[in-house]
């Protein structure tokens, strides 16, 4: 299959709120009040955890039939440890997650061996999980500056 390119746009609003859009969809991302935001949406690191869980759930749904697994319910609980001293520059620690953990909660009448095979496949084929687990080059593609009148 050919390489597929995905795009999203993030535009800063008032305070720390950011409106994010991709295709015809949008969501608000913000920081909670204790981190200087107005709490109008999940924050970026929560959205990252949510994206991982959503991707894993979608992969499970797409491949369940192939592995002869009936998914009556599939939930992913995701949590991660982030040292805010790295973000705030207070300590020489990474600003990103130090570890992310997830737990699957599955309701199914299918045999455990089938479920285990599905989960093994899911862990190898989840694009978000792979992007987090393997180094992905981040490249600044440019900076466009529009000059405005001084305030």
N, C-alpha and C. Protein backbone atom coordinates (compact mmCIF):
# COMPACT_ATOMS: atom_id res chain seq x y z
N UNK A 1 0.85 -1.18 0.00
CA UNK A 1 0.00 0.00 0.00
C UNK A 1 0.89 1.24 0.00
N UNK A 2 0.43 2.26 -0.64
CA UNK A 2 1.19 3.49 -0.76
C UNK A 2 1.26 4.24 0.57
N UNK A 3 2.28 5.05 0.69
CA UNK A 3 2.46 5.89 1.87
C UNK A 3 1.29 6.85 1.99
N UNK A 4 0.70 6.93 3.16
CA UNK A 4 -0.43 7.84 3.42
C UNK A 4 0.07 8.96 4.30
N UNK A 5 -0.26 10.19 3.96
CA UNK A 5 0.14 11.33 4.77
C UNK A 5 -1.07 11.87 5.51
N UNK A 6 -0.91 12.12 6.80
CA UNK A 6 -1.98 12.68 7.62
C UNK A 6 -1.57 14.09 8.04
N UNK A 7 -2.56 14.94 8.28
CA UNK A 7 -2.28 16.32 8.65
C UNK A 7 -3.21 16.75 9.78
N UNK A 8 -2.71 17.64 10.59
CA UNK A 8 -3.52 18.29 11.62
C UNK A 8 -3.00 19.71 11.75
N UNK A 9 -3.84 20.58 12.26
CA UNK A 9 -3.47 21.98 12.46
C UNK A 9 -3.84 22.36 13.89
N UNK A 10 -2.97 23.12 14.53
CA UNK A 10 -3.22 23.57 15.90
C UNK A 10 -3.04 25.08 15.95
N UNK A 11 -4.09 25.79 16.36
CA UNK A 11 -4.03 27.25 16.42
C UNK A 11 -4.27 27.73 17.84
N UNK A 12 -3.29 28.49 18.36
CA UNK A 12 -3.37 29.03 19.71
C UNK A 12 -4.50 30.04 19.79
N UNK A 13 -5.31 29.91 20.84
CA UNK A 13 -6.42 30.83 21.11
C UNK A 13 -6.03 31.66 22.34
N UNK A 14 -6.98 32.16 23.08
CA UNK A 14 -6.71 32.93 24.29
C UNK A 14 -6.11 32.01 25.36
N UNK A 15 -5.18 32.54 26.14
CA UNK A 15 -4.56 31.75 27.19
C UNK A 15 -3.80 30.56 26.62
N UNK A 16 -4.04 29.39 27.17
CA UNK A 16 -3.35 28.20 26.69
C UNK A 16 -4.26 27.30 25.85
N UNK A 17 -5.44 27.76 25.53
CA UNK A 17 -6.35 26.97 24.70
C UNK A 17 -5.82 26.90 23.26
N UNK A 18 -5.90 25.71 22.69
CA UNK A 18 -5.50 25.48 21.31
C UNK A 18 -6.63 24.75 20.61
N UNK A 19 -7.05 25.26 19.46
CA UNK A 19 -8.05 24.56 18.65
C UNK A 19 -7.31 23.72 17.62
N UNK A 20 -7.57 22.42 17.66
CA UNK A 20 -6.90 21.47 16.78
C UNK A 20 -7.90 20.96 15.77
N UNK A 21 -7.48 20.88 14.51
CA UNK A 21 -8.37 20.37 13.48
C UNK A 21 -7.62 19.41 12.57
N UNK A 22 -8.38 18.43 12.08
CA UNK A 22 -7.89 17.48 11.10
C UNK A 22 -9.10 17.08 10.26
N UNK A 23 -8.95 17.17 8.98
CA UNK A 23 -10.08 16.95 8.06
C UNK A 23 -11.24 17.83 8.50
N UNK A 24 -12.44 17.29 8.70
CA UNK A 24 -13.59 18.12 9.10
C UNK A 24 -13.84 18.09 10.61
N UNK A 25 -12.86 17.60 11.38
CA UNK A 25 -13.04 17.44 12.82
C UNK A 25 -12.21 18.44 13.60
N UNK A 26 -12.68 18.76 14.81
CA UNK A 26 -11.92 19.69 15.65
C UNK A 26 -12.11 19.32 17.12
N UNK A 27 -11.15 19.74 17.92
CA UNK A 27 -11.25 19.58 19.36
C UNK A 27 -10.45 20.69 20.03
N UNK A 28 -10.84 20.99 21.26
CA UNK A 28 -10.13 21.99 22.06
C UNK A 28 -9.15 21.27 22.97
N UNK A 29 -7.96 21.80 23.04
CA UNK A 29 -6.95 21.31 23.97
C UNK A 29 -6.54 22.50 24.83
N UNK A 30 -6.42 22.28 26.11
CA UNK A 30 -6.11 23.36 27.05
C UNK A 30 -5.36 22.74 28.23
N UNK A 31 -4.96 23.55 29.14
CA UNK A 31 -4.33 23.09 30.37
C UNK A 31 -5.32 23.29 31.52
N UNK A 32 -5.23 22.46 32.54
CA UNK A 32 -6.07 22.69 33.72
C UNK A 32 -5.64 23.99 34.41
N UNK A 33 -6.52 24.52 35.23
CA UNK A 33 -6.25 25.79 35.90
C UNK A 33 -4.94 25.75 36.69
N UNK A 34 -4.64 24.61 37.35
CA UNK A 34 -3.43 24.54 38.16
C UNK A 34 -2.15 24.60 37.33
N UNK A 35 -2.28 24.45 36.01
CA UNK A 35 -1.11 24.58 35.12
C UNK A 35 -1.22 25.83 34.25
N UNK A 36 -2.09 26.76 34.65
CA UNK A 36 -2.18 28.05 33.97
C UNK A 36 -3.21 28.14 32.87
N UNK A 37 -4.02 27.12 32.69
CA UNK A 37 -5.02 27.12 31.63
C UNK A 37 -6.40 27.47 32.14
N UNK A 38 -7.36 27.32 31.25
CA UNK A 38 -8.75 27.59 31.61
C UNK A 38 -9.59 26.31 31.60
N UNK A 39 -8.95 25.17 31.43
CA UNK A 39 -9.58 23.85 31.55
C UNK A 39 -10.77 23.68 30.61
N UNK A 40 -10.62 24.10 29.35
CA UNK A 40 -11.70 23.94 28.37
C UNK A 40 -11.54 22.67 27.53
N UNK A 41 -10.53 21.88 27.84
CA UNK A 41 -10.34 20.62 27.12
C UNK A 41 -9.21 19.84 27.78
N UNK A 42 -9.02 18.61 27.34
CA UNK A 42 -7.89 17.84 27.88
C UNK A 42 -6.60 18.52 27.46
N UNK A 43 -5.52 18.25 28.20
CA UNK A 43 -4.25 18.87 27.81
C UNK A 43 -3.53 17.97 26.81
N UNK A 44 -2.46 18.46 26.18
CA UNK A 44 -1.81 17.68 25.13
C UNK A 44 -1.31 16.31 25.56
N UNK A 45 -0.79 16.19 26.77
CA UNK A 45 -0.28 14.89 27.19
C UNK A 45 -1.42 13.91 27.50
N UNK A 46 -2.58 14.44 27.92
CA UNK A 46 -3.76 13.59 28.08
C UNK A 46 -4.27 13.16 26.71
N UNK A 47 -4.25 14.07 25.75
CA UNK A 47 -4.69 13.73 24.39
C UNK A 47 -3.80 12.65 23.79
N UNK A 48 -2.51 12.70 24.09
CA UNK A 48 -1.59 11.67 23.61
C UNK A 48 -1.97 10.31 24.19
N UNK A 49 -2.25 10.25 25.48
CA UNK A 49 -2.68 9.00 26.10
C UNK A 49 -3.99 8.52 25.48
N UNK A 50 -4.91 9.44 25.27
CA UNK A 50 -6.18 9.09 24.64
C UNK A 50 -6.00 8.57 23.23
N UNK A 51 -5.08 9.19 22.48
CA UNK A 51 -4.81 8.73 21.11
C UNK A 51 -4.26 7.31 21.11
N UNK A 52 -3.40 6.99 22.07
CA UNK A 52 -2.87 5.63 22.17
C UNK A 52 -3.99 4.64 22.45
N UNK A 53 -4.82 4.94 23.45
CA UNK A 53 -5.92 4.04 23.79
C UNK A 53 -6.90 3.88 22.64
N UNK A 54 -7.22 4.98 21.96
CA UNK A 54 -8.15 4.92 20.83
C UNK A 54 -7.57 4.08 19.70
N UNK A 55 -6.29 4.25 19.42
CA UNK A 55 -5.65 3.49 18.36
C UNK A 55 -5.66 2.00 18.68
N UNK A 56 -5.35 1.66 19.90
CA UNK A 56 -5.35 0.25 20.30
C UNK A 56 -6.77 -0.34 20.18
N UNK A 57 -7.78 0.41 20.58
CA UNK A 57 -9.15 -0.07 20.49
C UNK A 57 -9.57 -0.26 19.04
N UNK A 58 -9.17 0.66 18.17
CA UNK A 58 -9.51 0.54 16.75
C UNK A 58 -8.82 -0.67 16.13
N UNK A 59 -7.55 -0.87 16.45
CA UNK A 59 -6.84 -2.04 15.92
C UNK A 59 -7.52 -3.32 16.40
N UNK A 60 -7.93 -3.35 17.66
CA UNK A 60 -8.63 -4.53 18.19
C UNK A 60 -9.91 -4.77 17.39
N UNK A 61 -10.69 -3.73 17.14
CA UNK A 61 -11.94 -3.88 16.39
C UNK A 61 -11.67 -4.36 14.96
N UNK A 62 -10.69 -3.78 14.31
CA UNK A 62 -10.40 -4.12 12.91
C UNK A 62 -9.96 -5.58 12.75
N UNK A 63 -9.19 -6.09 13.73
CA UNK A 63 -8.62 -7.43 13.59
C UNK A 63 -9.34 -8.51 14.40
N UNK A 64 -10.33 -8.16 15.21
CA UNK A 64 -10.99 -9.14 16.08
C UNK A 64 -11.53 -10.34 15.30
N UNK A 65 -12.20 -10.09 14.22
CA UNK A 65 -12.80 -11.18 13.44
C UNK A 65 -11.71 -12.13 12.91
N UNK A 66 -10.60 -11.56 12.43
CA UNK A 66 -9.51 -12.38 11.90
C UNK A 66 -8.98 -13.36 12.96
N UNK A 67 -8.99 -12.94 14.22
CA UNK A 67 -8.50 -13.78 15.31
C UNK A 67 -9.62 -14.53 16.03
N UNK A 68 -10.81 -14.48 15.45
CA UNK A 68 -11.98 -15.16 16.00
C UNK A 68 -12.28 -14.74 17.45
N UNK A 69 -12.27 -13.41 17.63
CA UNK A 69 -12.56 -12.84 18.94
C UNK A 69 -13.81 -11.97 18.82
N UNK A 70 -14.77 -12.25 19.66
CA UNK A 70 -15.98 -11.43 19.74
C UNK A 70 -15.75 -10.38 20.83
N UNK A 71 -15.77 -9.13 20.45
CA UNK A 71 -15.56 -8.05 21.42
C UNK A 71 -16.91 -7.50 21.87
N UNK A 72 -17.37 -7.93 23.03
CA UNK A 72 -18.60 -7.37 23.59
C UNK A 72 -18.30 -6.01 24.22
N UNK A 73 -17.10 -5.85 24.75
CA UNK A 73 -16.66 -4.56 25.27
C UNK A 73 -15.13 -4.56 25.26
N UNK A 74 -14.56 -3.44 24.92
CA UNK A 74 -13.10 -3.30 24.89
C UNK A 74 -12.76 -1.91 25.39
N UNK A 75 -12.06 -1.84 26.48
CA UNK A 75 -11.69 -0.55 27.09
C UNK A 75 -10.19 -0.55 27.32
N UNK A 76 -9.59 0.60 27.13
CA UNK A 76 -8.16 0.76 27.39
C UNK A 76 -8.00 1.85 28.43
N UNK A 77 -7.35 1.53 29.53
CA UNK A 77 -7.00 2.50 30.56
C UNK A 77 -5.52 2.82 30.37
N UNK A 78 -5.20 4.08 30.19
CA UNK A 78 -3.82 4.49 29.90
C UNK A 78 -3.39 5.52 30.93
N UNK A 79 -2.17 5.37 31.43
CA UNK A 79 -1.61 6.34 32.37
C UNK A 79 -0.12 6.49 32.09
N UNK A 80 0.39 7.65 32.43
CA UNK A 80 1.81 7.89 32.22
C UNK A 80 2.38 8.78 33.29
N UNK A 81 3.70 8.69 33.46
CA UNK A 81 4.41 9.49 34.45
C UNK A 81 5.20 10.57 33.74
N UNK A 82 4.93 11.81 34.13
CA UNK A 82 5.57 12.96 33.52
C UNK A 82 6.10 13.86 34.64
N UNK A 83 7.36 14.17 34.62
CA UNK A 83 7.97 15.04 35.63
C UNK A 83 7.87 16.48 35.14
N UNK A 84 6.97 17.26 35.74
CA UNK A 84 6.74 18.64 35.30
C UNK A 84 7.96 19.53 35.48
N UNK A 85 8.91 19.11 36.32
CA UNK A 85 10.14 19.90 36.46
C UNK A 85 10.90 19.96 35.15
N UNK A 86 10.78 18.96 34.31
CA UNK A 86 11.41 18.98 32.99
C UNK A 86 10.77 20.02 32.10
N UNK A 87 9.45 20.10 32.08
CA UNK A 87 8.73 21.09 31.28
C UNK A 87 9.03 22.51 31.75
N UNK A 88 9.03 22.71 33.06
CA UNK A 88 9.26 24.04 33.62
C UNK A 88 10.74 24.41 33.73
N UNK A 89 11.62 23.52 33.31
CA UNK A 89 13.05 23.81 33.34
C UNK A 89 13.64 23.88 34.73
N UNK A 90 13.04 23.20 35.68
CA UNK A 90 13.51 23.25 37.06
C UNK A 90 14.51 22.14 37.38
N UNK A 91 14.59 21.14 36.52
CA UNK A 91 15.50 20.02 36.75
C UNK A 91 15.91 19.45 35.39
N UNK A 92 17.09 18.85 35.34
CA UNK A 92 17.55 18.28 34.07
C UNK A 92 16.94 16.90 33.79
N UNK A 93 15.61 16.87 33.69
CA UNK A 93 14.89 15.64 33.36
C UNK A 93 14.10 15.89 32.08
N UNK A 94 13.77 14.83 31.40
CA UNK A 94 13.06 14.99 30.14
C UNK A 94 11.69 15.61 30.37
N UNK A 95 11.22 16.45 29.46
CA UNK A 95 9.91 17.07 29.61
C UNK A 95 8.76 16.14 29.24
N UNK A 96 9.06 15.04 28.58
CA UNK A 96 8.02 14.11 28.15
C UNK A 96 7.84 12.97 29.13
N UNK A 97 6.96 12.06 28.75
CA UNK A 97 6.68 10.91 29.60
C UNK A 97 7.93 10.07 29.84
N UNK A 98 8.08 9.63 31.08
CA UNK A 98 9.15 8.69 31.43
C UNK A 98 8.69 7.26 31.21
N UNK A 99 7.38 7.03 31.38
CA UNK A 99 6.80 5.71 31.14
C UNK A 99 5.30 5.88 30.91
N UNK A 100 4.79 5.06 30.00
CA UNK A 100 3.35 4.99 29.75
C UNK A 100 2.93 3.54 29.94
N UNK A 101 1.85 3.35 30.69
CA UNK A 101 1.31 2.01 30.95
C UNK A 101 -0.14 1.95 30.47
N UNK A 102 -0.55 0.79 30.01
CA UNK A 102 -1.94 0.62 29.60
C UNK A 102 -2.45 -0.74 30.05
N UNK A 103 -3.76 -0.79 30.22
CA UNK A 103 -4.42 -2.03 30.65
C UNK A 103 -5.65 -2.20 29.77
N UNK A 104 -5.82 -3.41 29.24
CA UNK A 104 -7.00 -3.73 28.45
C UNK A 104 -8.05 -4.36 29.34
N UNK A 105 -9.29 -3.93 29.21
CA UNK A 105 -10.42 -4.55 29.87
C UNK A 105 -11.32 -5.06 28.76
N UNK A 106 -11.45 -6.38 28.66
CA UNK A 106 -12.12 -7.00 27.54
C UNK A 106 -13.26 -7.90 28.04
N UNK A 107 -14.42 -7.73 27.45
CA UNK A 107 -15.54 -8.64 27.70
C UNK A 107 -15.73 -9.45 26.43
N UNK A 108 -15.60 -10.77 26.56
CA UNK A 108 -15.69 -11.65 25.39
C UNK A 108 -15.97 -13.09 25.81
N UNK A 109 -16.72 -13.81 24.99
CA UNK A 109 -16.88 -15.24 25.23
C UNK A 109 -15.79 -16.06 24.52
N UNK A 110 -14.90 -15.40 23.81
CA UNK A 110 -13.88 -16.08 22.99
C UNK A 110 -12.79 -16.71 23.86
N UNK A 111 -12.15 -17.77 23.35
CA UNK A 111 -11.08 -18.43 24.11
C UNK A 111 -9.90 -17.49 24.38
N UNK A 112 -9.29 -17.67 25.55
CA UNK A 112 -8.16 -16.82 25.96
C UNK A 112 -7.03 -16.85 24.93
N UNK A 113 -6.77 -17.98 24.32
CA UNK A 113 -5.69 -18.08 23.33
C UNK A 113 -5.96 -17.16 22.14
N UNK A 114 -7.20 -17.07 21.71
CA UNK A 114 -7.55 -16.18 20.60
C UNK A 114 -7.36 -14.72 21.01
N UNK A 115 -7.79 -14.39 22.22
CA UNK A 115 -7.63 -13.02 22.72
C UNK A 115 -6.15 -12.67 22.82
N UNK A 116 -5.35 -13.58 23.35
CA UNK A 116 -3.91 -13.33 23.47
C UNK A 116 -3.27 -13.10 22.11
N UNK A 117 -3.69 -13.87 21.09
CA UNK A 117 -3.15 -13.70 19.75
C UNK A 117 -3.55 -12.34 19.18
N UNK A 118 -4.79 -11.93 19.43
CA UNK A 118 -5.25 -10.61 18.98
C UNK A 118 -4.43 -9.51 19.65
N UNK A 119 -4.22 -9.61 20.94
CA UNK A 119 -3.48 -8.58 21.67
C UNK A 119 -2.03 -8.52 21.19
N UNK A 120 -1.41 -9.65 20.94
CA UNK A 120 -0.04 -9.66 20.43
C UNK A 120 0.02 -8.95 19.08
N UNK A 121 -0.98 -9.20 18.23
CA UNK A 121 -1.04 -8.53 16.92
C UNK A 121 -1.24 -7.03 17.11
N UNK A 122 -2.16 -6.68 17.99
CA UNK A 122 -2.45 -5.27 18.27
C UNK A 122 -1.18 -4.53 18.70
N UNK A 123 -0.42 -5.13 19.58
CA UNK A 123 0.79 -4.46 20.09
C UNK A 123 1.85 -4.28 19.00
N UNK A 124 1.82 -5.11 17.99
CA UNK A 124 2.78 -4.98 16.88
C UNK A 124 2.29 -4.03 15.79
N UNK A 125 0.97 -3.76 15.73
CA UNK A 125 0.43 -3.04 14.58
C UNK A 125 -0.29 -1.73 14.91
N UNK A 126 -0.27 -1.29 16.15
CA UNK A 126 -0.90 -0.02 16.51
C UNK A 126 0.02 1.13 16.09
N UNK A 127 -0.38 1.96 15.13
CA UNK A 127 0.49 3.05 14.66
C UNK A 127 0.89 4.04 15.75
N UNK A 128 -0.02 4.38 16.64
CA UNK A 128 0.32 5.34 17.70
C UNK A 128 1.29 4.68 18.68
N UNK A 129 1.04 3.44 19.05
CA UNK A 129 1.95 2.72 19.94
C UNK A 129 3.34 2.62 19.34
N UNK A 130 3.40 2.30 18.05
CA UNK A 130 4.70 2.21 17.37
C UNK A 130 5.40 3.57 17.35
N UNK A 131 4.63 4.63 17.10
CA UNK A 131 5.22 5.98 17.06
C UNK A 131 5.77 6.41 18.41
N UNK A 132 5.16 5.94 19.49
CA UNK A 132 5.66 6.25 20.82
C UNK A 132 6.84 5.37 21.21
N UNK A 133 6.81 4.12 20.83
CA UNK A 133 7.83 3.16 21.25
C UNK A 133 9.12 3.26 20.44
N UNK A 134 9.01 3.69 19.19
CA UNK A 134 10.18 3.80 18.32
C UNK A 134 10.49 5.27 18.08
N UNK A 135 11.76 5.63 18.05
CA UNK A 135 12.09 7.04 17.77
C UNK A 135 11.55 7.47 16.41
N UNK A 136 10.84 8.59 16.39
CA UNK A 136 10.31 9.17 15.15
C UNK A 136 10.98 10.52 14.97
N UNK A 137 11.65 10.74 13.85
CA UNK A 137 12.27 12.04 13.63
C UNK A 137 11.24 13.17 13.62
N UNK A 138 11.46 14.20 14.39
CA UNK A 138 10.64 15.40 14.36
C UNK A 138 11.45 16.48 13.66
N UNK A 139 10.91 17.03 12.60
CA UNK A 139 11.65 18.02 11.80
C UNK A 139 10.84 19.28 11.64
N UNK A 140 11.41 20.40 12.03
CA UNK A 140 10.77 21.69 11.78
C UNK A 140 10.86 21.95 10.29
N UNK A 141 9.70 22.05 9.63
CA UNK A 141 9.67 22.20 8.17
C UNK A 141 9.74 23.66 7.74
N UNK A 142 9.69 24.59 8.67
CA UNK A 142 9.79 26.00 8.31
C UNK A 142 9.11 26.87 9.34
N UNK A 143 9.34 28.15 9.21
CA UNK A 143 8.71 29.16 10.06
C UNK A 143 8.22 30.26 9.15
N UNK A 144 6.92 30.52 9.16
CA UNK A 144 6.33 31.60 8.37
C UNK A 144 5.94 32.71 9.33
N UNK A 145 6.49 33.91 9.10
CA UNK A 145 6.20 35.04 9.99
C UNK A 145 5.45 36.11 9.21
N UNK A 146 4.32 36.53 9.79
CA UNK A 146 3.55 37.64 9.23
C UNK A 146 3.79 38.83 10.13
N UNK A 147 4.34 39.87 9.58
CA UNK A 147 4.60 41.07 10.41
C UNK A 147 3.30 41.80 10.67
N UNK A 148 3.11 42.16 11.94
CA UNK A 148 1.94 42.92 12.34
C UNK A 148 2.39 44.24 12.97
N UNK A 149 1.48 45.13 13.11
CA UNK A 149 1.81 46.42 13.72
C UNK A 149 2.10 46.22 15.20
N UNK A 150 3.07 46.96 15.71
CA UNK A 150 3.42 46.86 17.13
C UNK A 150 2.26 47.36 17.98
N UNK A 151 2.06 46.74 19.12
CA UNK A 151 0.95 47.13 20.00
C UNK A 151 1.32 48.30 20.85
